[in-house]
Amino acid sequence: MSTSKFNIGRARTVCRTDLRQLTQAKDFWVPMAVMGMIFYVVLPFLLLGSLSALGNAAGGSASKVGQVLQILPQATREAIPDKLPSGKTVTDSARAAYALAVYLFASLAVVVPITVGNAVAASAIVGERERGTGEFLAHSPAHESEIYAGKLVASFLPGYLSTLVGFGCYALLVNVIVGPQVGGWFFPTRTWWVLMLWVIPAFIALTLSVVVRVSGRVSSTTAAHQISGLVSIPAVVVSYGLSSQGLAKGIGTTVLAGAFLWVCAAVSLAQGMRRLRRWRLLGVAIDA
């Protein structure tokens, strides 16, 4: 029997059950961990390490690499340090590495959490039917809104946790490789803190609120993953654009972008909580 009043305890139970099952799924975590390692560690190490090597090379290569700075707005170029505390001029390759680390790797904060979260959210509802547990959940005391909220949080936490862990590894890598060339440890910048703690969570919540709703309307996990892939592509593009603009224009723009995304996420969440129907967990009369 369901109730119309939202109960946080029941939503927490749904979330905890899903997370417990997820922690036991090695076939899920191992590929996601490998993907995170590639995006947060391997690719940045190769690119930043290559720029650092060019900075120590003789000839014209070290100076030509500074041309990458020309693709950035004037205000952004001015924010890149050109002098060390000792007064020594920062090399073009070091400034290019700084720009790459701070302004051009914003997609790293988007791709991994959305991919991880979508993988969980896509099977949130339809997966219950395929595992044969949908009937149990449908006859539980939890209200439809509590089931939806619990499933959403269970999808959000793995994605955002992967972001925080990967971001910590990325920050350490950036400071170790680029820091000595620009006068010391500098990352994360203030705008990156706002991006990671304010903007990215809002975007993950917005994207997953749509994917969980989709999971309740399709007939198979395969179809849910296909549709979630279509959702994630424009999501990554839009999020990367917002993140890049925020990093380029400063904290004010980043805060406003995050506020807008949180409003959109709240609206989408409210709609999803209202539209989930208990009979969908049973796989009965599924509509298009």
Protein backbone atom coordinates (compact mmCIF):
# COMPACT_ATOMS: atom_id res chain seq x y z
CA MET A 1 0.00 0.00 0.00
CA SER A 2 1.29 3.45 -0.91
CA THR A 3 0.80 6.77 0.80
CA SER A 4 0.62 10.22 -0.66
CA LYS A 5 3.05 11.69 1.86
CA PHE A 6 6.70 11.51 0.90
CA ASN A 7 8.75 9.49 3.37
CA ILE A 8 12.51 9.99 3.31
CA GLY A 9 13.13 6.74 5.17
CA ARG A 10 11.45 4.63 2.50
CA ALA A 11 13.29 6.47 -0.28
CA ARG A 12 16.54 5.86 1.60
CA THR A 13 15.75 2.15 1.80
CA VAL A 14 15.24 1.95 -1.97
CA CYS A 15 18.52 3.80 -2.52
CA ARG A 16 20.45 1.66 -0.04
CA THR A 17 19.18 -1.57 -1.61
CA ASP A 18 20.27 -0.48 -5.08
CA LEU A 19 23.69 0.65 -3.85
CA ARG A 20 24.23 -2.65 -2.04
CA GLN A 21 23.54 -4.56 -5.24
CA LEU A 22 25.78 -2.23 -7.21
CA THR A 23 28.77 -2.69 -4.92
CA GLN A 24 28.65 -6.42 -5.63
CA ALA A 25 28.64 -5.95 -9.42
CA LYS A 26 32.32 -6.19 -10.37
CA ASP A 27 31.38 -6.34 -14.04
CA PHE A 28 30.11 -2.78 -13.62
CA TRP A 29 32.84 -1.23 -11.49
CA VAL A 30 35.91 -2.62 -13.26
CA PRO A 31 35.11 -1.12 -16.72
CA MET A 32 34.04 2.17 -15.12
CA ALA A 33 37.25 2.33 -13.07
CA VAL A 34 39.32 1.71 -16.20
CA MET A 35 37.43 4.44 -18.06
CA GLY A 36 37.93 6.88 -15.20
CA MET A 37 41.64 6.09 -15.06
CA ILE A 38 41.97 6.78 -18.78
CA PHE A 39 40.10 10.10 -18.67
CA TYR A 40 41.45 11.47 -15.39
CA VAL A 41 45.00 10.13 -15.36
CA VAL A 42 46.31 8.57 -18.59
CA LEU A 43 45.19 11.19 -21.15
CA PRO A 44 46.13 14.23 -18.99
CA PHE A 45 49.48 12.64 -18.17
CA LEU A 46 50.28 12.08 -21.84
CA LEU A 47 49.20 15.54 -22.99
CA LEU A 48 50.62 17.56 -20.12
CA GLY A 49 53.77 15.45 -20.07
CA SER A 50 54.25 16.04 -23.79
CA LEU A 51 53.97 19.80 -23.36
CA SER A 52 56.44 19.71 -20.49
CA ALA A 53 58.88 17.72 -22.62
CA LEU A 54 58.58 20.27 -25.43
CA GLY A 55 59.35 23.01 -22.94
CA ASN A 56 62.69 21.38 -22.25
CA ALA A 57 63.43 20.75 -25.92
CA ALA A 58 65.67 22.86 -28.05
CA GLY A 59 64.62 24.44 -31.32
CA GLY A 60 61.39 25.89 -32.58
CA SER A 61 58.99 23.24 -31.25
CA ALA A 62 58.97 24.68 -27.75
CA SER A 63 57.99 28.13 -28.95
CA LYS A 64 55.43 26.99 -31.53
CA VAL A 65 53.46 25.08 -28.92
CA GLY A 66 52.52 28.42 -27.35
CA GLN A 67 50.23 29.06 -30.31
CA VAL A 68 47.58 26.95 -28.55
CA LEU A 69 46.99 29.98 -26.34
CA GLN A 70 45.59 31.91 -29.29
CA ILE A 71 42.38 29.87 -29.25
CA LEU A 72 41.49 31.26 -25.82
CA PRO A 73 39.68 34.55 -25.16
CA GLN A 74 41.80 37.57 -24.27
CA ALA A 75 40.57 37.59 -20.66
CA THR A 76 41.54 33.96 -20.27
CA ARG A 77 44.99 34.49 -21.74
CA GLU A 78 45.59 37.32 -19.29
CA ALA A 79 44.74 35.01 -16.38
CA ILE A 80 47.55 32.61 -17.32
CA PRO A 81 50.73 33.49 -15.37
CA ASP A 82 53.65 34.78 -17.42
CA LYS A 83 56.09 35.33 -14.54
CA LEU A 84 57.38 33.02 -11.81
CA PRO A 85 57.67 34.34 -8.22
CA SER A 86 61.41 34.61 -8.85
CA GLY A 87 60.74 36.96 -11.77
CA LYS A 88 61.69 34.42 -14.40
CA THR A 89 59.47 34.32 -17.50
CA VAL A 90 57.14 31.33 -17.82
CA THR A 91 57.79 29.42 -21.03
CA ASP A 92 55.18 29.18 -23.78
CA SER A 93 54.89 25.43 -23.28
CA ALA A 94 54.25 25.92 -19.55
CA ARG A 95 51.56 28.50 -20.25
CA ALA A 96 50.01 26.16 -22.81
CA ALA A 97 50.04 23.33 -20.26
CA TYR A 98 48.36 25.65 -17.72
CA ALA A 99 45.66 26.56 -20.25
CA LEU A 100 45.12 22.91 -21.14
CA ALA A 101 44.84 21.85 -17.50
CA VAL A 102 42.54 24.67 -16.36
CA TYR A 103 40.41 25.57 -19.39
CA LEU A 104 40.44 22.79 -21.96
CA PHE A 105 39.95 19.70 -19.79
CA ALA A 106 36.51 20.69 -18.52
CA SER A 107 34.97 17.74 -20.34
CA LEU A 108 36.72 15.41 -17.90
CA ALA A 109 34.39 16.60 -15.17
CA VAL A 110 31.36 15.76 -17.32
CA VAL A 111 31.93 12.61 -19.35
CA VAL A 112 32.76 10.18 -16.55
CA PRO A 113 29.98 11.01 -14.04
CA ILE A 114 27.28 11.11 -16.72
CA THR A 115 28.48 7.79 -18.16
CA VAL A 116 28.59 6.09 -14.76
CA GLY A 117 25.28 7.57 -13.61
CA ASN A 118 23.49 6.73 -16.86
CA ALA A 119 24.67 3.14 -16.67
CA VAL A 120 22.93 2.80 -13.29
CA ALA A 121 19.88 4.94 -14.05
CA ALA A 122 19.07 3.22 -17.35
CA SER A 123 18.22 -0.03 -15.56
CA ALA A 124 16.73 1.57 -12.45
CA ILE A 125 13.10 0.67 -13.20
CA VAL A 126 13.16 -1.68 -16.16
CA GLY A 127 15.94 -3.67 -14.50
CA GLU A 128 13.61 -4.48 -11.61
CA ARG A 129 11.17 -6.09 -14.04
CA GLU A 130 13.86 -8.09 -15.80
CA ARG A 131 15.33 -9.35 -12.52
CA GLY A 132 11.89 -10.36 -11.29
CA THR A 133 11.99 -8.00 -8.31
CA GLY A 134 9.60 -5.44 -9.79
CA GLU A 135 6.55 -7.13 -8.26
CA PHE A 136 8.09 -7.01 -4.79
CA LEU A 137 8.89 -3.32 -5.17
CA ALA A 138 5.47 -2.57 -6.64
CA HIS A 139 3.76 -4.07 -3.59
CA SER A 140 6.10 -2.44 -1.09
CA PRO A 141 4.88 0.40 1.18
CA ALA A 142 7.02 2.88 -0.76
CA HIS A 143 5.13 5.50 -2.76
CA GLU A 144 5.95 5.94 -6.44
CA SER A 145 7.66 9.25 -5.69
CA GLU A 146 9.82 7.57 -3.03
CA ILE A 147 10.81 4.81 -5.43
CA TYR A 148 11.74 7.38 -8.08
CA ALA A 149 13.74 9.51 -5.63
CA GLY A 150 15.57 6.48 -4.22
CA LYS A 151 16.47 5.26 -7.69
CA LEU A 152 17.69 8.73 -8.68
CA VAL A 153 19.94 9.11 -5.63
CA ALA A 154 21.31 5.59 -6.14
CA SER A 155 22.28 6.62 -9.68
CA PHE A 156 23.63 10.01 -8.65
CA LEU A 157 26.00 8.89 -5.88
CA PRO A 158 28.22 6.52 -7.93
CA GLY A 159 28.55 9.10 -10.71
CA TYR A 160 29.42 11.98 -8.41
CA LEU A 161 31.72 9.84 -6.25
CA SER A 162 33.65 8.85 -9.37
CA THR A 163 33.93 12.56 -10.18
CA LEU A 164 35.36 13.49 -6.79
CA VAL A 165 37.88 10.64 -6.81
CA GLY A 166 38.91 11.30 -10.39
CA PHE A 167 39.08 15.04 -9.79
CA GLY A 168 41.42 14.49 -6.84
CA CYS A 169 43.72 12.34 -9.00
CA TYR A 170 43.59 14.90 -11.81
CA ALA A 171 44.37 17.81 -9.47
CA LEU A 172 47.37 15.98 -8.04
CA LEU A 173 48.64 15.15 -11.52
CA VAL A 174 48.26 18.74 -12.73
CA ASN A 175 50.08 20.18 -9.73
CA VAL A 176 52.94 17.70 -9.98
CA ILE A 177 53.51 18.16 -13.73
CA VAL A 178 52.56 21.80 -14.38
CA GLY A 179 52.93 23.35 -10.92
CA PRO A 180 56.75 23.60 -10.88
CA GLN A 181 56.66 25.36 -14.27
CA VAL A 182 54.25 28.10 -13.20
CA GLY A 183 55.45 28.85 -9.68
CA GLY A 184 53.91 26.14 -7.49
CA TRP A 185 50.70 24.26 -6.87
CA PHE A 186 47.75 26.16 -8.28
CA PHE A 187 44.97 23.66 -9.03
CA PRO A 188 42.04 23.58 -8.44
CA THR A 189 41.33 27.23 -9.07
CA ARG A 190 38.38 28.96 -7.37
CA THR A 191 36.22 28.58 -10.46
CA TRP A 192 36.98 24.86 -10.62
CA TRP A 193 35.81 24.47 -7.02
CA VAL A 194 32.49 26.09 -7.93
CA LEU A 195 32.26 23.93 -11.03
CA MET A 196 32.82 20.67 -9.16
CA LEU A 197 30.71 21.43 -6.08
CA TRP A 198 27.87 23.42 -7.66
CA VAL A 199 27.53 23.01 -11.42
CA ILE A 200 28.45 19.37 -12.06
CA PRO A 201 26.10 17.94 -9.36
CA ALA A 202 23.23 19.94 -10.83
CA PHE A 203 23.92 18.69 -14.32
CA ILE A 204 24.20 15.07 -13.16
CA ALA A 205 20.89 15.38 -11.30
CA LEU A 206 19.18 16.90 -14.34
CA THR A 207 20.42 14.23 -16.73
CA LEU A 208 19.65 11.32 -14.43
CA SER A 209 16.16 12.59 -13.64
CA VAL A 210 15.39 12.14 -17.34
CA VAL A 211 17.11 8.76 -17.67
CA VAL A 212 15.33 7.26 -14.63
CA ARG A 213 12.01 8.38 -16.09
CA VAL A 214 12.94 6.76 -19.41
CA SER A 215 13.81 3.55 -17.57
CA GLY A 216 10.25 3.33 -16.35
CA ARG A 217 8.74 3.65 -19.82
CA VAL A 218 10.75 1.22 -21.95
CA SER A 219 10.35 -2.54 -22.21
CA SER A 220 14.00 -3.65 -21.87
CA THR A 221 17.31 -2.61 -20.37
CA THR A 222 18.85 -2.58 -23.84
CA ALA A 223 16.34 0.00 -25.03
CA ALA A 224 16.92 2.05 -21.88
CA HIS A 225 20.67 2.12 -22.46
CA GLN A 226 20.21 3.13 -26.09
CA ILE A 227 17.94 6.03 -25.19
CA SER A 228 20.16 7.09 -22.29
CA GLY A 229 23.05 7.24 -24.76
CA LEU A 230 21.05 9.61 -26.93
CA VAL A 231 20.35 11.73 -23.84
CA SER A 232 23.97 11.76 -22.67
CA ILE A 233 25.46 12.98 -25.97
CA PRO A 234 23.74 16.39 -26.02
CA ALA A 235 24.09 16.52 -22.22
CA VAL A 236 27.86 16.22 -22.45
CA VAL A 237 28.04 18.80 -25.25
CA VAL A 238 25.90 21.35 -23.40
CA SER A 239 27.62 20.73 -20.07
CA TYR A 240 31.05 21.09 -21.65
CA GLY A 241 30.00 24.39 -23.22
CA LEU A 242 28.65 25.73 -19.92
CA SER A 243 31.73 24.55 -18.02
CA SER A 244 34.13 26.04 -20.54
CA GLN A 245 32.31 29.36 -20.59
CA GLY A 246 32.22 29.45 -16.81
CA LEU A 247 35.93 28.73 -16.51
CA ALA A 248 36.71 31.36 -19.12
CA LYS A 249 34.44 34.11 -17.76
CA GLY A 250 34.86 33.56 -14.02
CA ILE A 251 33.01 32.55 -10.89
CA GLY A 252 29.94 34.74 -11.45
CA THR A 253 29.01 33.06 -14.71
CA THR A 254 29.68 29.62 -13.22
CA VAL A 255 27.42 30.29 -10.22
CA LEU A 256 24.60 31.51 -12.46
CA ALA A 257 24.94 28.48 -14.74
CA GLY A 258 24.75 26.19 -11.73
CA ALA A 259 21.66 27.96 -10.38
CA PHE A 260 19.92 27.59 -13.74
CA LEU A 261 20.76 23.88 -13.88
CA TRP A 262 19.49 23.30 -10.34
CA VAL A 263 16.16 24.92 -11.21
CA CYS A 264 15.86 22.70 -14.30
CA ALA A 265 16.82 19.64 -12.26
CA ALA A 266 14.19 20.45 -9.61
CA VAL A 267 11.47 20.80 -12.25
CA SER A 268 12.49 17.57 -13.98
CA LEU A 269 12.66 15.73 -10.64
CA ALA A 270 9.17 16.91 -9.64
CA GLN A 271 7.76 15.76 -12.97
CA GLY A 272 9.45 12.38 -12.72
CA MET A 273 8.13 11.78 -9.20
CA ARG A 274 4.59 12.53 -10.36
CA ARG A 275 4.67 10.43 -13.52
CA LEU A 276 6.12 7.14 -12.27
CA ARG A 277 3.33 4.57 -12.04
CA ARG A 278 3.41 1.47 -9.87
CA TRP A 279 2.15 -0.81 -12.64
CA ARG A 280 5.27 -0.06 -14.68
CA LEU A 281 7.27 -2.10 -12.18
CA LEU A 282 5.07 -5.07 -13.07
CA GLY A 283 5.53 -4.63 -16.83
CA VAL A 284 1.81 -4.37 -17.41
CA ALA A 285 0.35 -2.35 -20.31
CA ILE A 286 3.52 -0.45 -21.03
CA ASP A 287 2.82 2.48 -23.29
CA ALA A 288 5.13 4.20 -25.72
